[in-house]
PDB file of N, CA and C in Angstrom:
ATOM      1  N   MET A   1       0.867  -1.180   0.003  1.00  0.00           N
ATOM      2  CA  MET A   1       0.030  -0.085   0.056  1.00  0.00           C
ATOM      3  C   MET A   1       0.927   1.276   0.028  1.00  0.00           C
ATOM      4  N   PRO A   2       0.665   2.101  -0.932  1.00  0.00           N
ATOM      5  CA  PRO A   2       1.501   3.342  -0.972  1.00  0.00           C
ATOM      6  C   PRO A   2       1.378   4.175   0.236  1.00  0.00           C
ATOM      7  N   THR A   3       2.350   4.948   0.617  1.00  0.00           N
ATOM      8  CA  THR A   3       2.333   5.892   1.778  1.00  0.00           C
ATOM      9  C   THR A   3       2.162   7.259   1.222  1.00  0.00           C
ATOM     10  N   TYR A   4       1.700   8.187   2.010  1.00  0.00           N
ATOM     11  CA  TYR A   4       1.564   9.572   1.504  1.00  0.00           C
ATOM     12  C   TYR A   4       1.714  10.610   2.561  1.00  0.00           C
ATOM     13  N   ALA A   5       2.053  11.779   2.198  1.00  0.00           N
ATOM     14  CA  ALA A   5       2.072  12.977   3.061  1.00  0.00           C
ATOM     15  C   ALA A   5       1.494  14.156   2.289  1.00  0.00           C
ATOM     16  N   TRP A   6       1.183  15.259   2.923  1.00  0.00           N
ATOM     17  CA  TRP A   6       0.758  16.360   2.261  1.00  0.00           C
ATOM     18  C   TRP A   6       1.380  17.584   2.766  1.00  0.00           C
ATOM     19  N   LEU A   7       1.630  18.550   1.865  1.00  0.00           N
ATOM     20  CA  LEU A   7       2.191  19.850   2.266  1.00  0.00           C
ATOM     21  C   LEU A   7       1.141  20.707   2.875  1.00  0.00           C
ATOM     22  N   ALA A   8       1.492  21.557   3.725  1.00  0.00           N
ATOM     23  CA  ALA A   8       0.568  22.410   4.471  1.00  0.00           C
ATOM     24  C   ALA A   8      -0.370  23.143   3.482  1.00  0.00           C
ATOM     25  N   ARG A   9       0.185  23.510   2.360  1.00  0.00           N
ATOM     26  CA  ARG A   9      -0.562  24.286   1.321  1.00  0.00           C
ATOM     27  C   ARG A   9      -1.693  23.295   0.811  1.00  0.00           C
ATOM     28  N   PHE A  10      -1.431  22.053   0.606  1.00  0.00           N
ATOM     29  CA  PHE A  10      -2.455  21.056   0.136  1.00  0.00           C
ATOM     30  C   PHE A  10      -3.618  21.022   1.193  1.00  0.00           C
ATOM     31  N   TRP A  11      -3.290  20.861   2.448  1.00  0.00           N
ATOM     32  CA  TRP A  11      -4.302  20.765   3.520  1.00  0.00           C
ATOM     33  C   TRP A  11      -5.213  22.035   3.438  1.00  0.00           C
ATOM     34  N   SER A  12      -4.569  23.154   3.342  1.00  0.00           N
ATOM     35  CA  SER A  12      -5.332  24.459   3.271  1.00  0.00           C
ATOM     36  C   SER A  12      -6.247  24.450   1.967  1.00  0.00           C
ATOM     37  N   ASP A  13      -5.716  23.987   0.808  1.00  0.00           N
ATOM     38  CA  ASP A  13      -6.512  23.906  -0.373  1.00  0.00           C
ATOM     39  C   ASP A  13      -7.681  23.000  -0.150  1.00  0.00           C
ATOM     40  N   PHE A  14      -7.412  21.790   0.433  1.00  0.00           N
ATOM     41  CA  PHE A  14      -8.509  20.804   0.618  1.00  0.00           C
ATOM     42  C   PHE A  14      -9.606  21.330   1.431  1.00  0.00           C
ATOM     43  N   LYS A  15      -9.359  21.977   2.594  1.00  0.00           N
ATOM     44  CA  LYS A  15     -10.361  22.576   3.467  1.00  0.00           C
ATOM     45  C   LYS A  15     -11.229  23.579   2.761  1.00  0.00           C
ATOM     46  N   ARG A  16     -10.723  24.189   1.655  1.00  0.00           N
ATOM     47  CA  ARG A  16     -11.551  25.255   0.922  1.00  0.00           C
ATOM     48  C   ARG A  16     -12.434  24.573  -0.185  1.00  0.00           C
ATOM     49  N   LEU A  17     -12.144  23.299  -0.446  1.00  0.00           N
ATOM     50  CA  LEU A  17     -13.141  22.587  -1.340  1.00  0.00           C
ATOM     51  C   LEU A  17     -14.502  22.414  -0.750  1.00  0.00           C
ATOM     52  N   SER A  18     -15.533  22.358  -1.494  1.00  0.00           N
ATOM     53  CA  SER A  18     -16.884  22.072  -1.023  1.00  0.00           C
ATOM     54  C   SER A  18     -16.847  20.473  -0.597  1.00  0.00           C
ATOM     55  N   PRO A  19     -17.878  20.174   0.197  1.00  0.00           N
ATOM     56  CA  PRO A  19     -17.947  18.766   0.542  1.00  0.00           C
ATOM     57  C   PRO A  19     -18.057  17.787  -0.644  1.00  0.00           C
ATOM     58  N   ASP A  20     -18.849  18.251  -1.654  1.00  0.00           N
ATOM     59  CA  ASP A  20     -18.861  17.384  -2.865  1.00  0.00           C
ATOM     60  C   ASP A  20     -17.516  17.327  -3.595  1.00  0.00           C
ATOM     61  N   GLU A  21     -16.853  18.352  -3.629  1.00  0.00           N
ATOM     62  CA  GLU A  21     -15.520  18.377  -4.323  1.00  0.00           C
ATOM     63  C   GLU A  21     -14.487  17.496  -3.465  1.00  0.00           C
ATOM     64  N   GLN A  22     -14.541  17.590  -2.140  1.00  0.00           N
ATOM     65  CA  GLN A  22     -13.728  16.671  -1.342  1.00  0.00           C
ATOM     66  C   GLN A  22     -14.005  15.299  -1.611  1.00  0.00           C
ATOM     67  N   THR A  23     -15.323  14.898  -1.732  1.00  0.00           N
ATOM     68  CA  THR A  23     -15.668  13.492  -1.990  1.00  0.00           C
ATOM     69  C   THR A  23     -15.164  13.091  -3.370  1.00  0.00           C
ATOM     70  N   ALA A  24     -15.303  13.945  -4.345  1.00  0.00           N
ATOM     71  CA  ALA A  24     -14.857  13.641  -5.698  1.00  0.00           C
ATOM     72  C   ALA A  24     -13.335  13.394  -5.739  1.00  0.00           C
ATOM     73  N   PHE A  25     -12.631  14.179  -4.992  1.00  0.00           N
ATOM     74  CA  PHE A  25     -11.203  14.074  -4.919  1.00  0.00           C
ATOM     75  C   PHE A  25     -10.851  12.752  -4.228  1.00  0.00           C
ATOM     76  N   LEU A  26     -11.435  12.452  -3.117  1.00  0.00           N
ATOM     77  CA  LEU A  26     -11.217  11.229  -2.447  1.00  0.00           C
ATOM     78  C   LEU A  26     -11.515   9.855  -3.225  1.00  0.00           C
ATOM     79  N   VAL A  27     -12.535   9.995  -4.003  1.00  0.00           N
ATOM     80  CA  VAL A  27     -12.895   8.849  -4.891  1.00  0.00           C
ATOM     81  C   VAL A  27     -11.761   8.652  -5.894  1.00  0.00           C
ATOM     82  N   ALA A  28     -11.285   9.795  -6.581  1.00  0.00           N
ATOM     83  CA  ALA A  28     -10.276   9.713  -7.488  1.00  0.00           C
ATOM     84  C   ALA A  28      -9.034   9.149  -6.839  1.00  0.00           C
ATOM     85  N   VAL A  29      -8.678   9.463  -5.568  1.00  0.00           N
ATOM     86  CA  VAL A  29      -7.527   9.035  -4.889  1.00  0.00           C
ATOM     87  C   VAL A  29      -7.616   7.532  -4.707  1.00  0.00           C
ATOM     88  N   LYS A  30      -8.799   6.986  -4.443  1.00  0.00           N
ATOM     89  CA  LYS A  30      -9.068   5.562  -4.282  1.00  0.00           C
ATOM     90  C   LYS A  30      -8.572   4.806  -5.560  1.00  0.00           C
ATOM     91  N   TYR A  31      -8.934   5.390  -6.632  1.00  0.00           N
ATOM     92  CA  TYR A  31      -8.483   4.784  -7.987  1.00  0.00           C
ATOM     93  C   TYR A  31      -6.927   4.970  -8.152  1.00  0.00           C
ATOM     94  N   PHE A  32      -6.461   6.123  -7.785  1.00  0.00           N
ATOM     95  CA  PHE A  32      -5.039   6.355  -7.898  1.00  0.00           C
ATOM     96  C   PHE A  32      -4.228   5.376  -7.029  1.00  0.00           C
ATOM     97  N   VAL A  33      -4.705   5.199  -5.819  1.00  0.00           N
ATOM     98  CA  VAL A  33      -3.970   4.261  -4.935  1.00  0.00           C
ATOM     99  C   VAL A  33      -4.108   2.737  -5.459  1.00  0.00           C
ATOM    100  N   THR A  34      -5.273   2.450  -5.926  1.00  0.00           N
ATOM    101  CA  THR A  34      -5.409   1.139  -6.480  1.00  0.00           C
ATOM    102  C   THR A  34      -4.387   0.807  -7.677  1.00  0.00           C
ATOM    103  N   ASP A  35      -4.346   1.757  -8.540  1.00  0.00           N
ATOM    104  CA  ASP A  35      -3.410   1.696  -9.658  1.00  0.00           C
ATOM    105  C   ASP A  35      -1.991   1.538  -9.189  1.00  0.00           C
ATOM    106  N   LEU A  36      -1.495   2.362  -8.217  1.00  0.00           N
ATOM    107  CA  LEU A  36      -0.249   2.315  -7.680  1.00  0.00           C
ATOM    108  C   LEU A  36      -0.078   0.924  -6.940  1.00  0.00           C
ATOM    109  N   SER A  37      -1.023   0.474  -6.174  1.00  0.00           N
ATOM    110  CA  SER A  37      -0.839  -0.800  -5.377  1.00  0.00           C
ATOM    111  C   SER A  37      -0.674  -1.966  -6.339  1.00  0.00           C
ATOM    112  N   GLU A  38      -1.480  -1.870  -7.410  1.00  0.00           N
ATOM    113  CA  GLU A  38      -1.396  -3.061  -8.431  1.00  0.00           C
ATOM    114  C   GLU A  38      -0.270  -2.846  -9.466  1.00  0.00           C
ATOM    115  N   LYS A  39       0.518  -1.746  -9.245  1.00  0.00           N
ATOM    116  CA  LYS A  39       1.549  -1.450 -10.164  1.00  0.00           C
ATOM    117  C   LYS A  39       1.234  -1.415 -11.700  1.00  0.00           C
ATOM    118  N   LYS A  40       0.040  -0.786 -11.879  1.00  0.00           N
ATOM    119  CA  LYS A  40      -0.515  -0.642 -13.172  1.00  0.00           C
ATOM    120  C   LYS A  40      -0.310   0.840 -13.643  1.00  0.00           C
ATOM    121  N   PRO A  41      -0.400   1.063 -14.971  1.00  0.00           N
ATOM    122  CA  PRO A  41      -0.429   2.447 -15.334  1.00  0.00           C
ATOM    123  C   PRO A  41      -1.663   3.079 -14.846  1.00  0.00           C
ATOM    124  N   PHE A  42      -1.588   4.338 -14.689  1.00  0.00           N
ATOM    125  CA  PHE A  42      -2.729   5.064 -14.121  1.00  0.00           C
ATOM    126  C   PHE A  42      -3.923   4.976 -15.138  1.00  0.00           C
ATOM    127  N   ARG A  43      -5.023   4.859 -14.733  1.00  0.00           N
ATOM    128  CA  ARG A  43      -6.238   4.778 -15.626  1.00  0.00           C
ATOM    129  C   ARG A  43      -6.356   6.085 -16.279  1.00  0.00           C
ATOM    130  N   LYS A  44      -6.784   6.078 -17.575  1.00  0.00           N
ATOM    131  CA  LYS A  44      -6.916   7.320 -18.426  1.00  0.00           C
ATOM    132  C   LYS A  44      -7.735   8.387 -17.745  1.00  0.00           C
ATOM    133  N   SER A  45      -8.833   8.090 -17.045  1.00  0.00           N
ATOM    134  CA  SER A  45      -9.660   9.036 -16.498  1.00  0.00           C
ATOM    135  C   SER A  45      -9.020   9.986 -15.455  1.00  0.00           C
ATOM    136  N   LEU A  46      -7.804   9.517 -14.929  1.00  0.00           N
ATOM    137  CA  LEU A  46      -7.146  10.318 -13.886  1.00  0.00           C
ATOM    138  C   LEU A  46      -6.189  11.380 -14.606  1.00  0.00           C
ATOM    139  N   ARG A  47      -5.915  11.080 -15.800  1.00  0.00           N
ATOM    140  CA  ARG A  47      -5.020  11.994 -16.690  1.00  0.00           C
ATOM    141  C   ARG A  47      -3.785  12.443 -15.909  1.00  0.00           C
ATOM    142  N   VAL A  48      -3.092  11.448 -15.347  1.00  0.00           N
ATOM    143  CA  VAL A  48      -1.821  11.780 -14.629  1.00  0.00           C
ATOM    144  C   VAL A  48      -0.748  12.057 -15.628  1.00  0.00           C
ATOM    145  N   LYS A  49      -0.081  13.194 -15.445  1.00  0.00           N
ATOM    146  CA  LYS A  49       0.967  13.613 -16.344  1.00  0.00           C
ATOM    147  C   LYS A  49       1.885  14.620 -15.617  1.00  0.00           C
ATOM    148  N   GLY A  50       3.100  14.743 -16.121  1.00  0.00           N
ATOM    149  CA  GLY A  50       4.012  15.728 -15.608  1.00  0.00           C
ATOM    150  C   GLY A  50       3.509  17.067 -15.937  1.00  0.00           C
ATOM    151  N   ILE A  51       3.908  18.123 -15.053  1.00  0.00           N
ATOM    152  CA  ILE A  51       3.623  19.528 -15.336  1.00  0.00           C
ATOM    153  C   ILE A  51       4.804  20.113 -15.888  1.00  0.00           C
ATOM    154  N   GLN A  52       4.609  20.785 -17.074  1.00  0.00           N
ATOM    155  CA  GLN A  52       5.614  21.422 -17.701  1.00  0.00           C
ATOM    156  C   GLN A  52       6.096  22.611 -16.987  1.00  0.00           C
ATOM    157  N   GLY A  53       7.483  22.679 -16.925  1.00  0.00           N
ATOM    158  CA  GLY A  53       8.120  23.721 -16.167  1.00  0.00           C
ATOM    159  C   GLY A  53       8.245  23.425 -14.612  1.00  0.00           C
ATOM    160  N   ALA A  54       7.847  22.292 -14.220  1.00  0.00           N
ATOM    161  CA  ALA A  54       7.967  21.937 -12.850  1.00  0.00           C
ATOM    162  C   ALA A  54       8.426  20.444 -12.729  1.00  0.00           C
ATOM    163  N   PRO A  55       9.737  20.279 -12.977  1.00  0.00           N
ATOM    164  CA  PRO A  55      10.282  18.940 -13.063  1.00  0.00           C
ATOM    165  C   PRO A  55      10.069  18.078 -11.777  1.00  0.00           C
ATOM    166  N   GLY A  56       9.558  16.907 -11.904  1.00  0.00           N
ATOM    167  CA  GLY A  56       9.214  16.041 -10.754  1.00  0.00           C
ATOM    168  C   GLY A  56       7.968  16.205 -10.160  1.00  0.00           C
ATOM    169  N   VAL A  57       7.174  17.204 -10.643  1.00  0.00           N
ATOM    170  CA  VAL A  57       5.762  17.484 -10.129  1.00  0.00           C
ATOM    171  C   VAL A  57       4.814  16.970 -11.179  1.00  0.00           C
ATOM    172  N   PHE A  58       3.798  16.294 -10.711  1.00  0.00           N
ATOM    173  CA  PHE A  58       2.741  15.664 -11.669  1.00  0.00           C
ATOM    174  C   PHE A  58       1.360  16.170 -11.249  1.00  0.00           C
ATOM    175  N   GLU A  59       0.439  16.054 -12.210  1.00  0.00           N
ATOM    176  CA  GLU A  59      -0.923  16.453 -11.995  1.00  0.00           C
ATOM    177  C   GLU A  59      -1.828  15.247 -12.066  1.00  0.00           C
ATOM    178  N   MET A  60      -2.939  15.272 -11.460  1.00  0.00           N
ATOM    179  CA  MET A  60      -3.989  14.273 -11.498  1.00  0.00           C
ATOM    180  C   MET A  60      -5.334  15.038 -11.676  1.00  0.00           C
ATOM    181  N   THR A  61      -6.212  14.595 -12.503  1.00  0.00           N
ATOM    182  CA  THR A  61      -7.528  15.087 -12.711  1.00  0.00           C
ATOM    183  C   THR A  61      -8.440  14.334 -11.922  1.00  0.00           C
ATOM    184  N   TRP A  62      -9.248  15.064 -11.110  1.00  0.00           N
ATOM    185  CA  TRP A  62     -10.365  14.356 -10.271  1.00  0.00           C
ATOM    186  C   TRP A  62     -11.749  14.927 -10.524  1.00  0.00           C
ATOM    187  N   ALA A  63     -11.906  15.964 -11.409  1.00  0.00           N
ATOM    188  CA  ALA A  63     -13.156  16.534 -11.781  1.00  0.00           C
ATOM    189  C   ALA A  63     -12.946  17.358 -13.109  1.00  0.00           C
ATOM    190  N   ARG A  64     -14.038  17.818 -13.632  1.00  0.00           N
ATOM    191  CA  ARG A  64     -13.895  18.636 -14.904  1.00  0.00           C
ATOM    192  C   ARG A  64     -12.851  19.700 -14.750  1.00  0.00           C
ATOM    193  N   ASP A  65     -12.932  20.408 -13.663  1.00  0.00           N
ATOM    194  CA  ASP A  65     -11.952  21.504 -13.374  1.00  0.00           C
ATOM    195  C   ASP A  65     -11.259  21.296 -12.072  1.00  0.00           C
ATOM    196  N   GLY A  66     -11.131  19.973 -11.739  1.00  0.00           N
ATOM    197  CA  GLY A  66     -10.489  19.621 -10.481  1.00  0.00           C
ATOM    198  C   GLY A  66      -9.118  19.007 -10.671  1.00  0.00           C
ATOM    199  N   ARG A  67      -8.039  19.610 -10.122  1.00  0.00           N
ATOM    200  CA  ARG A  67      -6.739  19.078 -10.387  1.00  0.00           C
ATOM    201  C   ARG A  67      -6.074  18.922  -8.987  1.00  0.00           C
ATOM    202  N   ALA A  68      -5.160  17.969  -8.887  1.00  0.00           N
ATOM    203  CA  ALA A  68      -4.266  17.895  -7.749  1.00  0.00           C
ATOM    204  C   ALA A  68      -2.865  17.720  -8.234  1.00  0.00           C
ATOM    205  N   THR A  69      -1.832  18.250  -7.574  1.00  0.00           N
ATOM    206  CA  THR A  69      -0.465  17.978  -7.923  1.00  0.00           C
ATOM    207  C   THR A  69       0.247  17.219  -6.858  1.00  0.00           C
ATOM    208  N   PHE A  70       1.170  16.423  -7.209  1.00  0.00           N
ATOM    209  CA  PHE A  70       1.937  15.612  -6.359  1.00  0.00           C
ATOM    210  C   PHE A  70       3.326  15.314  -6.885  1.00  0.00           C
ATOM    211  N   GLN A  71       4.104  14.762  -6.052  1.00  0.00           N
ATOM    212  CA  GLN A  71       5.425  14.318  -6.404  1.00  0.00           C
ATOM    213  C   GLN A  71       5.701  13.001  -5.640  1.00  0.00           C
ATOM    214  N   TYR A  72       6.712  12.361  -6.222  1.00  0.00           N
ATOM    215  CA  TYR A  72       7.059  11.017  -5.554  1.00  0.00           C
ATOM    216  C   TYR A  72       8.185  11.435  -4.502  1.00  0.00           C
ATOM    217  N   GLY A  73       7.931  10.947  -3.293  1.00  0.00           N
ATOM    218  CA  GLY A  73       8.948  11.214  -2.200  1.00  0.00           C
ATOM    219  C   GLY A  73       9.723   9.916  -1.976  1.00  0.00           C
ATOM    220  N   LYS A  74      10.677  10.061  -1.020  1.00  0.00           N
ATOM    221  CA  LYS A  74      11.514   8.989  -0.723  1.00  0.00           C
ATOM    222  C   LYS A  74      10.666   7.886  -0.040  1.00  0.00           C
ATOM    223  N   PRO A  75      10.744   6.630  -0.451  1.00  0.00           N
ATOM    224  CA  PRO A  75       9.953   5.591   0.092  1.00  0.00           C
ATOM    225  C   PRO A  75      10.204   5.407   1.652  1.00  0.00           C
ATOM    226  N   LEU A  76       9.032   5.256   2.286  1.00  0.00           N
ATOM    227  CA  LEU A  76       9.102   5.062   3.807  1.00  0.00           C
ATOM    228  C   LEU A  76       9.186   3.589   4.156  1.00  0.00           C
ATOM    229  N   ARG A  77       8.764   2.676   3.186  1.00  0.00           N
ATOM    230  CA  ARG A  77       8.781   1.287   3.339  1.00  0.00           C
ATOM    231  C   ARG A  77       9.369   0.689   2.181  1.00  0.00           C
ATOM    232  N   ASP A  78      10.028  -0.474   2.256  1.00  0.00           N
ATOM    233  CA  ASP A  78      10.572  -1.155   1.141  1.00  0.00           C
ATOM    234  C   ASP A  78       9.509  -1.434   0.075  1.00  0.00           C
ATOM    235  N   ASN A  79       9.800  -1.192  -1.163  1.00  0.00           N
ATOM    236  CA  ASN A  79       9.027  -1.542  -2.289  1.00  0.00           C
ATOM    237  C   ASN A  79       7.632  -0.827  -2.262  1.00  0.00           C
ATOM    238  N   GLU A  80       7.435   0.228  -1.567  1.00  0.00           N
ATOM    239  CA  GLU A  80       6.261   0.990  -1.542  1.00  0.00           C
ATOM    240  C   GLU A  80       6.470   2.447  -2.041  1.00  0.00           C
ATOM    241  N   VAL A  81       5.558   2.836  -2.801  1.00  0.00           N
ATOM    242  CA  VAL A  81       5.635   4.307  -3.391  1.00  0.00           C
ATOM    243  C   VAL A  81       5.164   5.208  -2.290  1.00  0.00           C
ATOM    244  N   HIS A  82       5.873   6.344  -2.165  1.00  0.00           N
ATOM    245  CA  HIS A  82       5.486   7.428  -1.251  1.00  0.00           C
ATOM    246  C   HIS A  82       5.085   8.627  -2.133  1.00  0.00           C
ATOM    247  N   ILE A  83       3.842   9.103  -1.902  1.00  0.00           N
ATOM    248  CA  ILE A  83       3.300  10.283  -2.578  1.00  0.00           C
ATOM    249  C   ILE A  83       3.304  11.460  -1.625  1.00  0.00           C
ATOM    250  N   VAL A  84       3.753  12.626  -2.199  1.00  0.00           N
ATOM    251  CA  VAL A  84       3.654  13.828  -1.439  1.00  0.00           C
ATOM    252  C   VAL A  84       2.646  14.797  -2.220  1.00  0.00           C
ATOM    253  N   TRP A  85       1.499  14.976  -1.631  1.00  0.00           N
ATOM    254  CA  TRP A  85       0.466  15.781  -2.273  1.00  0.00           C
ATOM    255  C   TRP A  85       0.810  17.201  -2.066  1.00  0.00           C
ATOM    256  N   ARG A  86       0.773  17.978  -3.140  1.00  0.00           N
ATOM    257  CA  ARG A  86       1.256  19.463  -3.087  1.00  0.00           C
ATOM    258  C   ARG A  86       0.104  20.442  -3.048  1.00  0.00           C
ATOM    259  N   ARG A  87      -0.811  20.249  -4.064  1.00  0.00           N
ATOM    260  CA  ARG A  87      -1.909  21.271  -4.126  1.00  0.00           C
ATOM    261  C   ARG A  87      -3.204  20.555  -4.625  1.00  0.00           C
ATOM    262  N   VAL A  88      -4.324  21.093  -4.378  1.00  0.00           N
ATOM    263  CA  VAL A  88      -5.579  20.530  -4.860  1.00  0.00           C
ATOM    264  C   VAL A  88      -6.566  21.730  -5.091  1.00  0.00           C
ATOM    265  N   GLY A  89      -7.317  21.612  -6.161  1.00  0.00           N
ATOM    266  CA  GLY A  89      -8.301  22.721  -6.512  1.00  0.00           C
ATOM    267  C   GLY A  89      -8.576  22.714  -7.943  1.00  0.00           C
ATOM    268  N   THR A  90      -8.689  23.884  -8.523  1.00  0.00           N
ATOM    269  CA  THR A  90      -9.025  24.085  -9.980  1.00  0.00           C
ATOM    270  C   THR A  90      -7.676  24.294 -10.719  1.00  0.00           C
ATOM    271  N   HIS A  91      -7.733  24.677 -11.908  1.00  0.00           N
ATOM    272  CA  HIS A  91      -6.655  24.941 -12.750  1.00  0.00           C
ATOM    273  C   HIS A  91      -5.739  26.021 -12.109  1.00  0.00           C
ATOM    274  N   ASN A  92      -6.315  26.830 -11.332  1.00  0.00           N
ATOM    275  CA  ASN A  92      -5.534  27.962 -10.672  1.00  0.00           C
ATOM    276  C   ASN A  92      -4.333  27.453  -9.838  1.00  0.00           C
ATOM    277  N   ILE A  93      -4.380  26.184  -9.447  1.00  0.00           N
ATOM    278  CA  ILE A  93      -3.241  25.648  -8.633  1.00  0.00           C
ATOM    279  C   ILE A  93      -1.947  25.630  -9.466  1.00  0.00           C
ATOM    280  N   PHE A  94      -2.073  25.623 -10.809  1.00  0.00           N
ATOM    281  CA  PHE A  94      -0.889  25.598 -11.723  1.00  0.00           C
ATOM    282  C   PHE A  94      -0.061  26.793 -11.586  1.00  0.00           C
ATOM    283  N   ASN A  95      -0.615  27.856 -11.121  1.00  0.00           N
ATOM    284  CA  ASN A  95       0.243  29.066 -10.882  1.00  0.00           C
ATOM    285  C   ASN A  95       1.334  28.838  -9.950  1.00  0.00           C
ATOM    286  N   HIS A  96       1.069  28.005  -9.033  1.00  0.00           N
ATOM    287  CA  HIS A  96       2.136  27.551  -7.991  1.00  0.00           C
ATOM    288  C   HIS A  96       1.830  26.147  -7.685  1.00  0.00           C
ATOM    289  N   PRO A  97       2.286  25.216  -8.608  1.00  0.00           N
ATOM    290  CA  PRO A  97       2.007  23.708  -8.357  1.00  0.00           C
ATOM    291  C   PRO A  97       2.746  23.164  -7.231  1.00  0.00           C
TER     292      PRO A  97
END
């Protein structure tokens, strides 16, 4: 099972989401974690890709205008991926991913 952490900015962003947006994000994370755990490519609906101009930072789509950014951190357990969530919100988060 992958491990995770979040930056303070992520937590602040998450609290500003509506309850429906928070739920949509958490559903997408469930799929994200499943794909990581099964060592599969991410499903196309998540649209995971690198962010241009921000090496090592990736984005994930969780709604029509819902995006989250993350990076891979140093593994905390052997053979497990560690994700550091950076931002969550609309396309506006790309101003400071």
